[in-house]
N, C-alpha and C. Protein backbone atom coordinates (compact mmCIF):
# COMPACT_ATOMS: atom_id res chain seq x y z
N UNK A 1 0.88 -1.15 0.00
CA UNK A 1 0.03 0.01 0.11
C UNK A 1 0.89 1.21 -0.02
N UNK A 2 0.55 2.10 -0.79
CA UNK A 2 1.37 3.43 -1.06
C UNK A 2 1.18 4.27 0.26
N UNK A 3 2.35 4.79 0.66
CA UNK A 3 2.37 5.79 1.71
C UNK A 3 1.78 7.05 1.32
N UNK A 4 0.81 7.67 2.17
CA UNK A 4 0.16 9.00 1.78
C UNK A 4 1.21 10.07 1.88
N UNK A 5 1.17 11.12 1.20
CA UNK A 5 2.17 12.20 1.25
C UNK A 5 1.87 13.10 2.60
N UNK A 6 2.82 13.60 3.19
CA UNK A 6 2.77 14.37 4.34
C UNK A 6 1.83 15.50 4.07
N UNK A 7 0.84 15.93 4.98
CA UNK A 7 0.23 16.99 4.88
C UNK A 7 0.61 18.21 5.63
N UNK A 8 0.94 19.28 4.89
CA UNK A 8 1.64 20.43 5.43
C UNK A 8 0.98 21.72 5.33
N UNK A 9 0.92 22.55 6.39
CA UNK A 9 0.48 23.86 6.44
C UNK A 9 1.71 24.76 6.44
N UNK A 10 1.87 25.87 5.52
CA UNK A 10 3.01 26.76 5.61
C UNK A 10 2.44 28.08 6.01
N UNK A 11 3.25 28.59 6.90
CA UNK A 11 3.10 30.07 7.43
C UNK A 11 4.22 30.96 7.23
N UNK A 12 4.06 31.94 6.38
CA UNK A 12 5.07 32.92 6.14
C UNK A 12 4.44 34.25 5.60
N UNK A 13 4.93 35.40 6.27
CA UNK A 13 4.29 36.64 6.00
C UNK A 13 4.77 37.24 4.71
N UNK A 14 5.78 36.86 4.08
CA UNK A 14 6.26 37.12 2.66
C UNK A 14 5.83 36.23 1.60
N UNK A 15 5.05 36.94 0.65
CA UNK A 15 4.41 36.29 -0.41
C UNK A 15 5.37 35.45 -1.32
N UNK A 16 6.60 36.18 -1.58
CA UNK A 16 7.45 35.64 -2.37
C UNK A 16 8.15 34.32 -1.61
N UNK A 17 8.36 34.41 -0.47
CA UNK A 17 8.92 33.20 0.32
C UNK A 17 7.80 32.13 0.22
N UNK A 18 6.44 32.40 0.42
CA UNK A 18 5.44 31.52 0.55
C UNK A 18 5.35 30.72 -0.81
N UNK A 19 5.32 31.55 -1.88
CA UNK A 19 5.15 31.04 -3.14
C UNK A 19 6.43 30.18 -3.42
N UNK A 20 7.57 30.71 -3.05
CA UNK A 20 8.82 29.89 -3.33
C UNK A 20 8.74 28.51 -2.71
N UNK A 21 8.38 28.54 -1.43
CA UNK A 21 8.27 27.27 -0.77
C UNK A 21 7.32 26.32 -1.45
N UNK A 22 6.24 26.76 -1.91
CA UNK A 22 5.24 26.00 -2.43
C UNK A 22 5.71 25.37 -3.75
N UNK A 23 6.62 26.21 -4.58
CA UNK A 23 7.01 25.68 -5.77
C UNK A 23 8.10 24.74 -5.50
N UNK A 24 8.99 24.80 -4.55
CA UNK A 24 10.01 23.83 -4.24
C UNK A 24 9.43 22.55 -3.84
N UNK A 25 8.28 22.64 -2.86
CA UNK A 25 7.77 21.46 -2.46
C UNK A 25 6.91 20.65 -3.48
N UNK A 26 6.50 21.43 -4.53
CA UNK A 26 5.67 20.93 -5.49
C UNK A 26 6.32 19.85 -6.33
N UNK A 27 7.62 19.82 -6.25
CA UNK A 27 8.53 18.84 -6.93
C UNK A 27 8.49 17.53 -6.19
N UNK A 28 7.92 17.38 -5.10
CA UNK A 28 7.87 16.32 -4.24
C UNK A 28 6.43 15.89 -3.85
N UNK A 29 5.54 15.97 -4.95
CA UNK A 29 4.18 15.70 -4.69
C UNK A 29 3.73 14.40 -3.94
N UNK A 30 4.84 13.27 -4.28
CA UNK A 30 4.47 12.09 -3.70
C UNK A 30 4.79 11.89 -2.35
N UNK A 31 5.52 12.96 -1.75
CA UNK A 31 6.00 12.84 -0.44
C UNK A 31 5.35 13.98 0.45
N UNK A 32 5.04 15.09 -0.13
CA UNK A 32 4.48 16.14 0.73
C UNK A 32 3.35 16.85 -0.01
N UNK A 33 2.38 17.34 0.50
CA UNK A 33 1.27 18.11 0.00
C UNK A 33 0.90 19.27 0.84
N UNK A 34 0.99 20.55 0.29
CA UNK A 34 0.69 21.72 0.99
C UNK A 34 -0.97 21.75 0.99
N UNK A 35 -1.51 21.69 2.17
CA UNK A 35 -2.98 21.58 2.25
C UNK A 35 -3.45 22.91 2.80
N UNK A 36 -2.65 23.79 3.04
CA UNK A 36 -3.08 25.20 3.51
C UNK A 36 -1.92 26.01 3.78
N UNK A 37 -2.08 27.53 3.69
CA UNK A 37 -1.22 28.39 3.95
C UNK A 37 -1.73 29.64 4.52
N UNK A 38 -0.84 30.33 5.24
CA UNK A 38 -1.31 31.56 6.05
C UNK A 38 -0.18 32.55 5.97
N UNK A 39 -0.56 33.83 6.10
CA UNK A 39 0.43 34.92 6.05
C UNK A 39 0.60 35.62 7.44
N UNK A 40 -0.07 34.98 8.42
CA UNK A 40 -0.09 35.51 9.77
C UNK A 40 -0.41 34.47 10.84
N UNK A 41 -0.03 34.64 12.09
CA UNK A 41 -0.29 33.63 13.06
C UNK A 41 -1.82 33.82 13.35
N UNK A 42 -2.49 34.90 13.31
CA UNK A 42 -3.82 34.86 13.56
C UNK A 42 -4.74 34.04 12.49
N UNK A 43 -4.23 34.05 11.25
CA UNK A 43 -4.76 33.26 10.25
C UNK A 43 -4.42 31.79 10.38
N UNK A 44 -3.26 31.60 10.77
CA UNK A 44 -2.72 30.19 10.86
C UNK A 44 -3.31 29.18 11.91
N UNK A 45 -3.69 29.90 13.16
CA UNK A 45 -4.25 29.10 14.13
C UNK A 45 -5.60 28.44 13.84
N UNK A 46 -6.57 29.09 13.40
CA UNK A 46 -7.93 28.49 12.87
C UNK A 46 -7.70 27.47 11.85
N UNK A 47 -6.84 27.89 10.86
CA UNK A 47 -6.49 27.05 9.72
C UNK A 47 -5.99 25.68 10.16
N UNK A 48 -4.95 25.66 11.13
CA UNK A 48 -4.38 24.35 11.55
C UNK A 48 -5.42 23.70 12.43
N UNK A 49 -6.24 24.31 13.14
CA UNK A 49 -7.13 23.68 13.96
C UNK A 49 -8.24 22.91 13.05
N UNK A 50 -8.50 23.59 11.84
CA UNK A 50 -9.49 22.97 10.93
C UNK A 50 -8.88 21.77 10.04
N UNK A 51 -7.65 22.01 9.66
CA UNK A 51 -6.93 21.09 8.73
C UNK A 51 -6.35 20.00 9.59
N UNK A 52 -5.89 20.18 10.72
CA UNK A 52 -5.13 19.19 11.43
C UNK A 52 -4.00 18.54 10.50
N UNK A 53 -2.98 19.31 10.10
CA UNK A 53 -2.07 18.97 9.27
C UNK A 53 -1.04 17.84 9.91
N UNK A 54 -0.24 17.13 9.24
CA UNK A 54 0.90 16.36 10.05
C UNK A 54 1.94 17.28 10.49
N UNK A 55 2.26 18.25 9.75
CA UNK A 55 3.35 19.21 10.28
C UNK A 55 2.87 20.57 9.77
N UNK A 56 3.44 21.58 10.65
CA UNK A 56 3.26 23.09 10.30
C UNK A 56 4.46 23.60 10.11
N UNK A 57 4.96 24.27 8.94
CA UNK A 57 6.07 24.88 8.73
C UNK A 57 5.97 26.37 8.90
N UNK A 58 6.47 27.09 9.83
CA UNK A 58 6.21 28.53 10.07
C UNK A 58 7.61 29.25 10.22
N UNK A 59 7.51 30.42 9.61
CA UNK A 59 8.64 31.48 9.79
C UNK A 59 8.82 31.81 11.25
N UNK A 60 10.12 31.97 11.69
CA UNK A 60 10.14 32.36 13.03
C UNK A 60 9.65 33.73 13.44
N UNK A 61 10.00 34.72 12.48
CA UNK A 61 9.68 36.08 12.76
C UNK A 61 8.58 36.54 11.73
N UNK A 62 7.50 36.46 12.16
CA UNK A 62 6.20 36.72 11.52
C UNK A 62 5.89 38.29 12.06
N UNK A 63 5.40 39.15 11.08
CA UNK A 63 5.20 40.46 11.37
C UNK A 63 3.91 40.41 12.38
N UNK A 64 3.73 41.53 13.09
CA UNK A 64 2.51 41.64 13.99
C UNK A 64 3.07 41.31 15.27
N UNK A 65 1.88 41.21 16.14
CA UNK A 65 2.23 41.09 17.69
C UNK A 65 2.53 39.69 18.04
N UNK A 66 2.11 38.69 17.13
CA UNK A 66 2.23 37.19 17.24
C UNK A 66 3.43 36.70 16.48
N UNK A 67 4.57 36.30 17.05
CA UNK A 67 5.59 35.75 16.27
C UNK A 67 5.50 34.31 15.94
N UNK A 68 6.27 33.85 15.13
CA UNK A 68 6.28 32.36 14.78
C UNK A 68 6.51 31.62 16.06
N UNK A 69 7.40 32.07 16.93
CA UNK A 69 7.64 31.51 18.25
C UNK A 69 6.28 31.31 19.06
N UNK A 70 5.65 32.47 19.08
CA UNK A 70 4.33 32.61 19.84
C UNK A 70 3.37 31.59 19.27
N UNK A 71 3.21 31.54 17.82
CA UNK A 71 2.46 30.69 17.24
C UNK A 71 2.60 29.25 17.53
N UNK A 72 4.04 28.75 17.50
CA UNK A 72 4.31 27.52 17.92
C UNK A 72 3.79 27.17 19.26
N UNK A 73 4.20 28.17 20.13
CA UNK A 73 3.74 27.83 21.58
C UNK A 73 2.31 27.60 21.55
N UNK A 74 1.38 28.45 21.03
CA UNK A 74 -0.02 28.37 21.06
C UNK A 74 -0.48 26.92 20.28
N UNK A 75 0.12 26.64 19.26
CA UNK A 75 -0.27 25.43 18.56
C UNK A 75 -0.04 24.11 19.37
N UNK A 76 1.21 24.17 20.01
CA UNK A 76 1.54 23.09 20.91
C UNK A 76 0.77 23.03 22.18
N UNK A 77 0.37 24.12 22.64
CA UNK A 77 -0.51 24.11 23.92
C UNK A 77 -1.82 23.61 23.57
N UNK A 78 -2.41 23.98 22.35
CA UNK A 78 -3.81 23.49 22.06
C UNK A 78 -3.75 22.02 21.74
N UNK A 79 -2.70 21.57 21.16
CA UNK A 79 -2.44 20.02 20.89
C UNK A 79 -1.16 19.69 20.97
N UNK A 80 -0.84 19.09 22.18
CA UNK A 80 0.56 18.73 22.63
C UNK A 80 1.53 17.95 21.69
N UNK A 81 0.84 17.01 20.86
CA UNK A 81 1.62 16.29 19.89
C UNK A 81 1.65 16.90 18.49
N UNK A 82 1.31 18.35 18.45
CA UNK A 82 1.40 18.95 17.10
C UNK A 82 2.72 19.15 16.78
N UNK A 83 3.16 18.83 15.48
CA UNK A 83 4.57 18.98 15.05
C UNK A 83 4.64 20.22 14.25
N UNK A 84 5.55 21.16 14.91
CA UNK A 84 5.74 22.51 14.27
C UNK A 84 7.19 22.65 14.10
N UNK A 85 7.59 22.87 12.75
CA UNK A 85 8.99 23.15 12.41
C UNK A 85 9.11 24.61 12.09
N UNK A 86 10.05 25.28 12.54
CA UNK A 86 10.30 26.57 12.39
C UNK A 86 11.38 26.92 11.40
N UNK A 87 11.13 27.81 10.30
CA UNK A 87 12.12 28.18 9.34
C UNK A 87 12.64 29.55 9.58
N UNK A 88 13.81 29.67 9.48
CA UNK A 88 14.52 31.06 9.78
C UNK A 88 15.75 31.43 8.94
N UNK A 89 15.88 32.48 8.76
CA UNK A 89 17.13 33.17 8.17
C UNK A 89 18.23 33.40 8.94
N UNK A 90 17.85 33.20 10.32
CA UNK A 90 18.79 33.52 11.44
C UNK A 90 19.54 32.18 11.86
N UNK A 91 20.82 32.06 11.86
CA UNK A 91 21.50 30.77 12.37
C UNK A 91 21.87 31.21 13.81
N UNK A 92 21.24 31.92 14.60
CA UNK A 92 21.64 32.28 15.95
C UNK A 92 21.20 31.15 16.97
N UNK A 93 22.07 30.50 17.70
CA UNK A 93 21.72 29.53 18.73
C UNK A 93 20.61 29.79 19.58
N UNK A 94 20.56 31.06 19.88
CA UNK A 94 19.53 31.40 20.96
C UNK A 94 18.07 31.43 20.29
N UNK A 95 18.01 31.53 19.09
CA UNK A 95 16.69 31.43 18.42
C UNK A 95 16.37 29.88 18.46
N UNK A 96 17.27 29.11 18.33
CA UNK A 96 16.97 27.61 18.22
C UNK A 96 16.65 27.19 19.54
N UNK A 97 17.42 27.68 20.84
CA UNK A 97 16.82 27.32 22.07
C UNK A 97 15.45 27.83 22.34
N UNK A 98 15.04 28.99 21.93
CA UNK A 98 13.75 29.56 22.00
C UNK A 98 12.82 28.70 21.36
N UNK A 99 13.06 28.33 20.30
CA UNK A 99 12.14 27.46 19.36
C UNK A 99 11.92 26.08 20.12
N UNK A 100 12.83 25.55 20.64
CA UNK A 100 12.73 24.22 21.35
C UNK A 100 11.96 24.49 22.53
N UNK A 101 12.06 25.47 23.36
CA UNK A 101 11.39 25.77 24.50
C UNK A 101 9.92 26.12 24.22
N UNK A 102 9.66 26.54 23.05
CA UNK A 102 8.37 26.91 22.60
C UNK A 102 7.52 25.47 22.08
N UNK A 103 8.36 24.46 22.10
CA UNK A 103 7.84 23.07 21.83
C UNK A 103 7.82 22.92 20.29
N UNK A 104 8.70 23.42 19.74
CA UNK A 104 9.07 23.19 18.09
C UNK A 104 9.59 21.77 17.95
N UNK A 105 9.21 21.22 16.79
CA UNK A 105 9.75 19.86 16.43
C UNK A 105 11.09 20.06 15.62
N UNK A 106 11.36 21.28 15.34
CA UNK A 106 12.63 21.46 14.41
C UNK A 106 12.83 22.95 14.37
N UNK A 107 14.10 23.18 13.72
CA UNK A 107 14.45 24.61 13.45
C UNK A 107 15.30 24.40 12.34
N UNK A 108 14.93 24.91 11.14
CA UNK A 108 15.77 24.79 9.95
C UNK A 108 15.92 26.25 9.31
N UNK A 109 17.08 26.25 8.48
CA UNK A 109 17.33 27.54 7.81
C UNK A 109 16.83 27.68 6.46
N UNK A 110 16.52 28.78 6.07
CA UNK A 110 15.85 29.14 4.66
C UNK A 110 16.51 28.70 3.44
N UNK A 111 17.83 28.49 3.61
CA UNK A 111 18.59 28.17 2.48
C UNK A 111 18.61 26.57 2.19
N UNK A 112 18.00 25.87 3.03
CA UNK A 112 17.93 24.38 2.92
C UNK A 112 17.51 24.00 1.42
N UNK A 113 18.08 22.93 1.13
CA UNK A 113 17.60 22.36 -0.25
C UNK A 113 16.37 21.69 -0.19
N UNK A 114 15.64 21.57 -1.30
CA UNK A 114 14.31 21.10 -1.14
C UNK A 114 14.20 19.61 -0.79
N UNK A 115 15.02 18.86 -1.29
CA UNK A 115 15.11 17.36 -0.92
C UNK A 115 15.32 17.16 0.62
N UNK A 116 16.08 17.97 1.06
CA UNK A 116 16.59 17.92 2.54
C UNK A 116 15.49 18.36 3.38
N UNK A 117 14.81 19.48 2.86
CA UNK A 117 13.71 19.99 3.65
C UNK A 117 12.59 18.97 3.74
N UNK A 118 12.27 18.34 2.66
CA UNK A 118 11.23 17.18 2.75
C UNK A 118 11.61 16.17 3.65
N UNK A 119 12.88 15.60 3.58
CA UNK A 119 13.31 14.61 4.40
C UNK A 119 13.29 14.92 5.91
N UNK A 120 13.54 16.21 6.27
CA UNK A 120 13.43 16.67 7.64
C UNK A 120 11.98 16.92 8.11
N UNK A 121 11.21 17.31 7.25
CA UNK A 121 9.66 17.33 7.67
C UNK A 121 9.17 16.01 7.87
N UNK A 122 9.57 15.01 7.05
CA UNK A 122 9.07 13.63 7.26
C UNK A 122 9.82 13.06 8.51
N UNK A 123 10.95 13.51 8.95
CA UNK A 123 11.41 13.18 10.21
C UNK A 123 10.65 13.78 11.41
N UNK A 124 10.44 14.95 11.22
CA UNK A 124 9.57 15.61 12.25
C UNK A 124 8.33 14.92 12.47
N UNK A 125 7.60 14.64 11.37
CA UNK A 125 6.32 14.01 11.38
C UNK A 125 6.36 12.61 12.16
N UNK A 126 7.48 11.94 12.01
CA UNK A 126 7.77 10.83 12.74
C UNK A 126 8.20 10.78 14.24
N UNK A 127 8.35 12.03 14.63
CA UNK A 127 8.62 12.27 16.09
C UNK A 127 10.08 12.75 16.47
N UNK A 128 10.72 12.89 15.41
CA UNK A 128 12.18 13.35 15.76
C UNK A 128 12.22 14.91 15.86
N UNK A 129 13.27 15.48 16.53
CA UNK A 129 13.48 16.79 16.60
C UNK A 129 14.56 17.08 15.47
N UNK A 130 14.29 18.00 14.69
CA UNK A 130 15.23 18.24 13.50
C UNK A 130 15.93 19.54 13.54
N UNK A 131 17.19 19.67 13.42
CA UNK A 131 17.96 20.91 13.54
C UNK A 131 18.92 21.08 12.29
N UNK A 132 18.90 22.15 11.86
CA UNK A 132 19.78 22.29 10.68
C UNK A 132 21.13 21.86 10.99
N UNK A 133 21.75 21.05 10.14
CA UNK A 133 23.12 20.44 10.49
C UNK A 133 24.13 21.40 10.76
N UNK A 134 24.04 22.65 10.05
CA UNK A 134 25.16 23.61 10.16
C UNK A 134 25.14 24.25 11.51
N UNK A 135 23.96 24.07 12.38
CA UNK A 135 23.80 24.73 13.63
C UNK A 135 24.05 23.67 14.82
N UNK A 136 23.88 22.39 14.43
CA UNK A 136 23.81 21.36 15.48
C UNK A 136 25.21 21.43 16.42
N UNK A 137 26.25 21.49 15.68
CA UNK A 137 27.49 21.41 16.48
C UNK A 137 27.76 22.67 17.30
N UNK A 138 27.49 23.73 16.73
CA UNK A 138 27.60 25.14 17.38
C UNK A 138 26.60 25.19 18.55
N UNK A 139 25.47 24.67 18.19
CA UNK A 139 24.52 24.86 19.42
C UNK A 139 24.91 23.83 20.66
N UNK A 140 25.45 22.67 20.46
CA UNK A 140 25.90 21.86 21.55
C UNK A 140 26.88 22.63 22.34
N UNK A 141 27.98 23.36 21.60
CA UNK A 141 29.04 23.94 22.32
C UNK A 141 28.47 25.17 23.01
N UNK A 142 27.51 25.89 22.54
CA UNK A 142 26.90 27.03 23.02
C UNK A 142 26.07 26.61 24.29
N UNK A 143 25.38 25.58 24.15
CA UNK A 143 24.67 25.15 25.38
C UNK A 143 25.61 24.75 26.51
N UNK A 144 26.77 24.12 26.28
CA UNK A 144 27.72 23.88 27.30
C UNK A 144 28.30 25.07 27.83
N UNK A 145 28.63 25.93 27.12
CA UNK A 145 29.04 27.39 27.62
C UNK A 145 28.02 28.00 28.45
N UNK A 146 26.78 28.08 27.88
CA UNK A 146 25.67 28.80 28.72
C UNK A 146 25.46 28.14 30.17
N UNK A 147 25.56 26.72 30.05
CA UNK A 147 25.40 26.07 31.40
C UNK A 147 26.51 26.35 32.20
N UNK A 148 27.72 26.66 31.87
CA UNK A 148 28.92 27.15 32.58
C UNK A 148 28.95 28.49 33.02
N UNK A 149 27.90 29.25 32.48
CA UNK A 149 27.84 30.81 32.84
C UNK A 149 29.01 31.53 32.04
N UNK A 150 29.40 30.90 30.73
CA UNK A 150 30.48 31.57 30.21
C UNK A 150 29.72 32.29 28.71
N UNK A 151 28.81 33.14 29.10
CA UNK A 151 28.29 33.80 27.88
C UNK A 151 27.91 35.21 28.16
N UNK A 152 27.19 35.87 27.36
CA UNK A 152 27.02 37.34 27.48
C UNK A 152 25.89 37.61 28.47
N UNK A 153 25.73 38.73 29.03
CA UNK A 153 24.78 39.13 29.91
C UNK A 153 23.33 39.00 29.36
N UNK A 154 22.59 38.18 30.10
CA UNK A 154 21.22 38.00 29.63
C UNK A 154 20.89 36.75 28.80
N UNK A 155 21.99 36.02 28.60
CA UNK A 155 21.83 34.91 27.79
C UNK A 155 20.96 33.82 28.39
N UNK A 156 21.01 33.88 29.90
CA UNK A 156 20.07 32.80 30.65
C UNK A 156 18.73 33.26 30.51
N UNK A 157 18.31 34.46 29.98
CA UNK A 157 16.98 35.01 29.74
C UNK A 157 16.58 34.87 28.38
N UNK A 158 17.40 34.21 27.58
CA UNK A 158 17.14 33.92 26.10
C UNK A 158 17.41 35.21 25.18
N UNK A 159 18.06 36.22 25.70
CA UNK A 159 18.54 37.15 24.97
C UNK A 159 19.64 36.88 24.09
N UNK A 160 19.58 37.15 22.81
CA UNK A 160 20.72 36.92 21.87
C UNK A 160 21.75 37.88 22.08
N UNK A 161 23.04 37.67 21.52
CA UNK A 161 24.13 38.46 21.99
C UNK A 161 23.90 39.95 21.49
N UNK A 162 23.29 40.16 20.29
CA UNK A 162 22.80 41.53 19.97
C UNK A 162 21.90 42.18 20.73
N UNK A 163 20.84 41.32 21.09
CA UNK A 163 19.78 41.89 22.01
C UNK A 163 20.46 42.42 23.34
N UNK A 164 21.47 41.61 23.87
CA UNK A 164 22.13 42.01 25.04
C UNK A 164 22.90 43.21 24.83
N UNK A 165 23.52 43.47 23.76
CA UNK A 165 24.09 44.75 23.51
C UNK A 165 23.39 45.87 23.51
N UNK A 166 22.15 45.70 22.93
CA UNK A 166 21.03 46.64 22.85
C UNK A 166 20.56 46.97 24.09
N UNK A 167 20.35 46.07 24.96
CA UNK A 167 19.90 46.28 26.37
C UNK A 167 20.86 47.06 27.11
N UNK A 168 22.12 46.84 26.99
CA UNK A 168 23.32 47.51 27.55
C UNK A 168 23.23 48.96 27.42
N UNK A 169 22.93 49.36 25.93
CA UNK A 169 22.89 50.55 25.68
C UNK A 169 21.57 51.43 26.20
N UNK A 170 20.53 50.54 26.35
CA UNK A 170 19.31 51.15 26.91
C UNK A 170 19.58 51.52 28.41
N UNK A 171 20.41 50.65 29.06
CA UNK A 171 20.70 51.01 30.52
C UNK A 171 21.54 52.18 30.58
N UNK A 172 22.32 52.42 29.58
CA UNK A 172 23.19 53.55 29.47
C UNK A 172 22.34 54.86 29.13
N UNK A 173 21.02 54.62 28.67
CA UNK A 173 20.22 55.86 28.28
C UNK A 173 20.25 56.30 26.92
N UNK A 174 20.84 55.42 25.99
CA UNK A 174 20.88 55.90 24.63
C UNK A 174 19.57 55.58 23.98
N UNK A 175 19.41 56.55 23.00
CA UNK A 175 18.12 56.28 22.07
C UNK A 175 18.31 55.29 21.12
N UNK A 176 17.24 55.03 20.35
CA UNK A 176 17.28 53.92 19.34
C UNK A 176 18.31 54.47 18.31
N UNK A 177 18.18 55.68 17.97
CA UNK A 177 19.01 56.36 16.96
C UNK A 177 20.58 56.25 17.34
N UNK A 178 20.76 56.63 18.44
CA UNK A 178 22.15 56.56 19.05
C UNK A 178 22.64 55.02 19.10
N UNK A 179 21.82 54.12 19.33
CA UNK A 179 22.36 52.75 19.39
C UNK A 179 22.61 52.20 17.97
N UNK A 180 21.61 52.57 17.07
CA UNK A 180 21.87 52.29 15.71
C UNK A 180 23.19 52.69 15.24
N UNK A 181 23.56 54.03 15.71
CA UNK A 181 24.99 54.48 15.18
C UNK A 181 25.78 53.68 15.91
N UNK A 182 25.93 53.36 17.13
CA UNK A 182 26.96 52.55 17.87
C UNK A 182 27.37 51.22 17.19
N UNK A 183 26.10 50.62 16.94
CA UNK A 183 26.17 49.20 16.31
C UNK A 183 26.29 49.13 14.83
N UNK A 184 26.11 50.22 14.29
CA UNK A 184 26.01 50.40 12.73
C UNK A 184 24.90 49.54 12.00
N UNK A 185 23.73 49.75 12.81
CA UNK A 185 22.51 49.01 12.25
C UNK A 185 21.44 50.06 11.84
N UNK A 186 20.49 49.76 11.14
CA UNK A 186 19.35 50.70 10.85
C UNK A 186 18.66 50.78 12.07
N UNK A 187 17.89 52.02 12.18
CA UNK A 187 17.14 52.31 13.32
C UNK A 187 15.89 51.30 13.43
N UNK A 188 15.21 50.80 12.44
CA UNK A 188 14.20 49.87 12.49
C UNK A 188 14.55 48.58 12.94
N UNK A 189 15.96 48.16 12.74
CA UNK A 189 16.54 46.92 13.29
C UNK A 189 16.56 46.92 14.80
N UNK A 190 17.10 48.16 15.27
CA UNK A 190 17.29 48.32 16.72
C UNK A 190 15.88 48.30 17.32
N UNK A 191 14.79 48.90 16.74
CA UNK A 191 13.40 48.74 17.26
C UNK A 191 13.06 47.40 17.40
N UNK A 192 13.37 46.62 16.38
CA UNK A 192 12.88 45.14 16.44
C UNK A 192 13.72 44.40 17.51
N UNK A 193 14.89 44.81 17.84
CA UNK A 193 15.51 44.14 18.96
C UNK A 193 15.04 44.55 20.22
N UNK A 194 14.53 45.91 20.39
CA UNK A 194 14.03 46.59 21.53
C UNK A 194 12.73 45.80 21.72
N UNK A 195 11.86 45.55 20.76
CA UNK A 195 10.61 44.78 20.96
C UNK A 195 10.83 43.37 21.49
N UNK A 196 11.80 42.75 20.87
CA UNK A 196 12.22 41.42 21.39
C UNK A 196 12.53 41.34 22.87
N UNK A 197 13.36 42.40 23.21
CA UNK A 197 13.79 42.38 24.55
C UNK A 197 12.53 42.66 25.46
N UNK A 198 11.66 43.49 25.09
CA UNK A 198 10.54 43.74 25.92
C UNK A 198 9.63 42.51 26.21
N UNK A 199 9.67 41.78 24.87
CA UNK A 199 8.81 40.42 25.06
C UNK A 199 9.56 39.26 26.04
N UNK A 200 10.85 39.22 25.84
CA UNK A 200 11.57 38.26 26.52
C UNK A 200 11.74 38.56 28.04
N UNK A 201 11.69 39.78 28.50
CA UNK A 201 11.89 40.28 29.72
C UNK A 201 10.37 40.42 30.46
N UNK A 202 9.37 40.51 29.40
CA UNK A 202 7.94 40.47 29.93
C UNK A 202 7.82 41.87 30.56
N UNK A 203 8.23 42.93 29.87
CA UNK A 203 8.02 44.36 30.30
C UNK A 203 7.41 45.08 29.11
N UNK A 204 7.01 46.32 29.45
CA UNK A 204 6.19 46.96 28.36
C UNK A 204 6.76 48.30 27.80
N UNK A 205 7.86 48.69 28.45
CA UNK A 205 8.59 50.00 28.07
C UNK A 205 9.92 50.05 28.42
N UNK A 206 10.85 50.95 27.92
CA UNK A 206 12.18 51.10 28.12
C UNK A 206 12.57 51.20 29.68
N UNK A 207 11.88 52.00 30.52
CA UNK A 207 12.02 52.23 31.72
C UNK A 207 12.08 50.92 32.42
N UNK A 208 10.94 50.07 32.21
CA UNK A 208 10.75 48.87 32.88
C UNK A 208 11.94 47.78 32.55
N UNK A 209 12.27 47.94 31.20
CA UNK A 209 13.49 47.08 30.74
C UNK A 209 14.77 47.36 31.59
N UNK A 210 15.03 48.66 31.64
CA UNK A 210 16.16 49.21 32.38
C UNK A 210 16.03 48.81 33.88
N UNK A 211 14.90 48.99 34.48
CA UNK A 211 14.70 48.50 35.87
C UNK A 211 15.04 47.07 36.13
N UNK A 212 14.40 46.26 35.12
CA UNK A 212 14.53 44.72 35.15
C UNK A 212 16.07 44.48 35.04
N UNK A 213 16.88 44.96 34.12
CA UNK A 213 18.18 44.58 34.02
C UNK A 213 19.01 44.99 35.21
N UNK A 214 18.72 46.12 35.86
CA UNK A 214 19.41 46.59 37.05
C UNK A 214 19.14 45.60 38.32
N UNK A 215 17.78 45.36 38.39
CA UNK A 215 17.30 44.63 39.49
C UNK A 215 17.84 43.26 39.54
N UNK A 216 17.83 42.54 38.24
CA UNK A 216 18.44 41.18 38.16
C UNK A 216 19.90 41.29 37.91
N UNK A 217 20.51 42.23 37.97
CA UNK A 217 22.04 42.29 37.92
C UNK A 217 22.67 41.96 36.52
N UNK A 218 21.75 42.08 35.45
CA UNK A 218 22.32 41.77 34.06
C UNK A 218 23.32 42.85 33.80
N UNK A 219 23.11 44.11 34.10
CA UNK A 219 24.00 45.16 33.87
C UNK A 219 23.97 45.99 35.31
N UNK A 220 25.30 46.43 35.58
CA UNK A 220 25.28 47.32 36.84
C UNK A 220 25.79 48.56 36.56
C-alpha cells in the first residue's frame, strides 16, 4: 500500500517566500502536499485547527504582535503532539533554544535544499527533533558554555548577543538612533531588537526593561 504524502500547512508573511516554498515542495508531490497556507499567526491558528496537518512549517519572525515562536507555543498548547517546524534566516543558537522551549519539532534555515527539507519534515512527522546540520555542533558547544555561565549578559533569559548589546545601551540611556549609530545598524532593526527584549523580559517599556536589567544584575 502506497504511503500517503505528508500533509503540510505553511506560514510565512512574505508572499514571495510562501510561493517559493510551495514551488519547491511541488517537486515532491508524492511525499508532501501543502494543504493550507497563511500569512499571519492569527490566520494560521484556526486554519491548523481545521485542517489538522501532519506538520506546520512556520517562519520564526512573523510580522505583527504574534511571532512564529508565539504561534508555535499556542499550537502546541492546543495540541501537545502538534509537530511545528520553524524556518528561519537566522542561524543564531539562541533562536534555536527559544524554538525548542516553545515546543518546536525542529529549526531549519531558509537556504535548505528542497530534498533535504522534505526529508526533515518527514522526520519531524515521525517524532524526531530536526535541527539544521550547520547549527547542531555550534548549538551543542553554546549550550555547554551557557550552562557554565560563560556567555553574554542576559543569555540565561534567552537574549541573543545582539539583544544583550542593545539592552546594555538602553541601560546607558541611549536612544534608538544613538544605538543604531554605535552598532552600525538601521534604526528599524534596533526597534525590532528592543521589541524582542520587551517580550523576553515581559516588560512594556524602556524604563521597565532598564529597571529589570538593574534589578536582576544583568548590567550594573
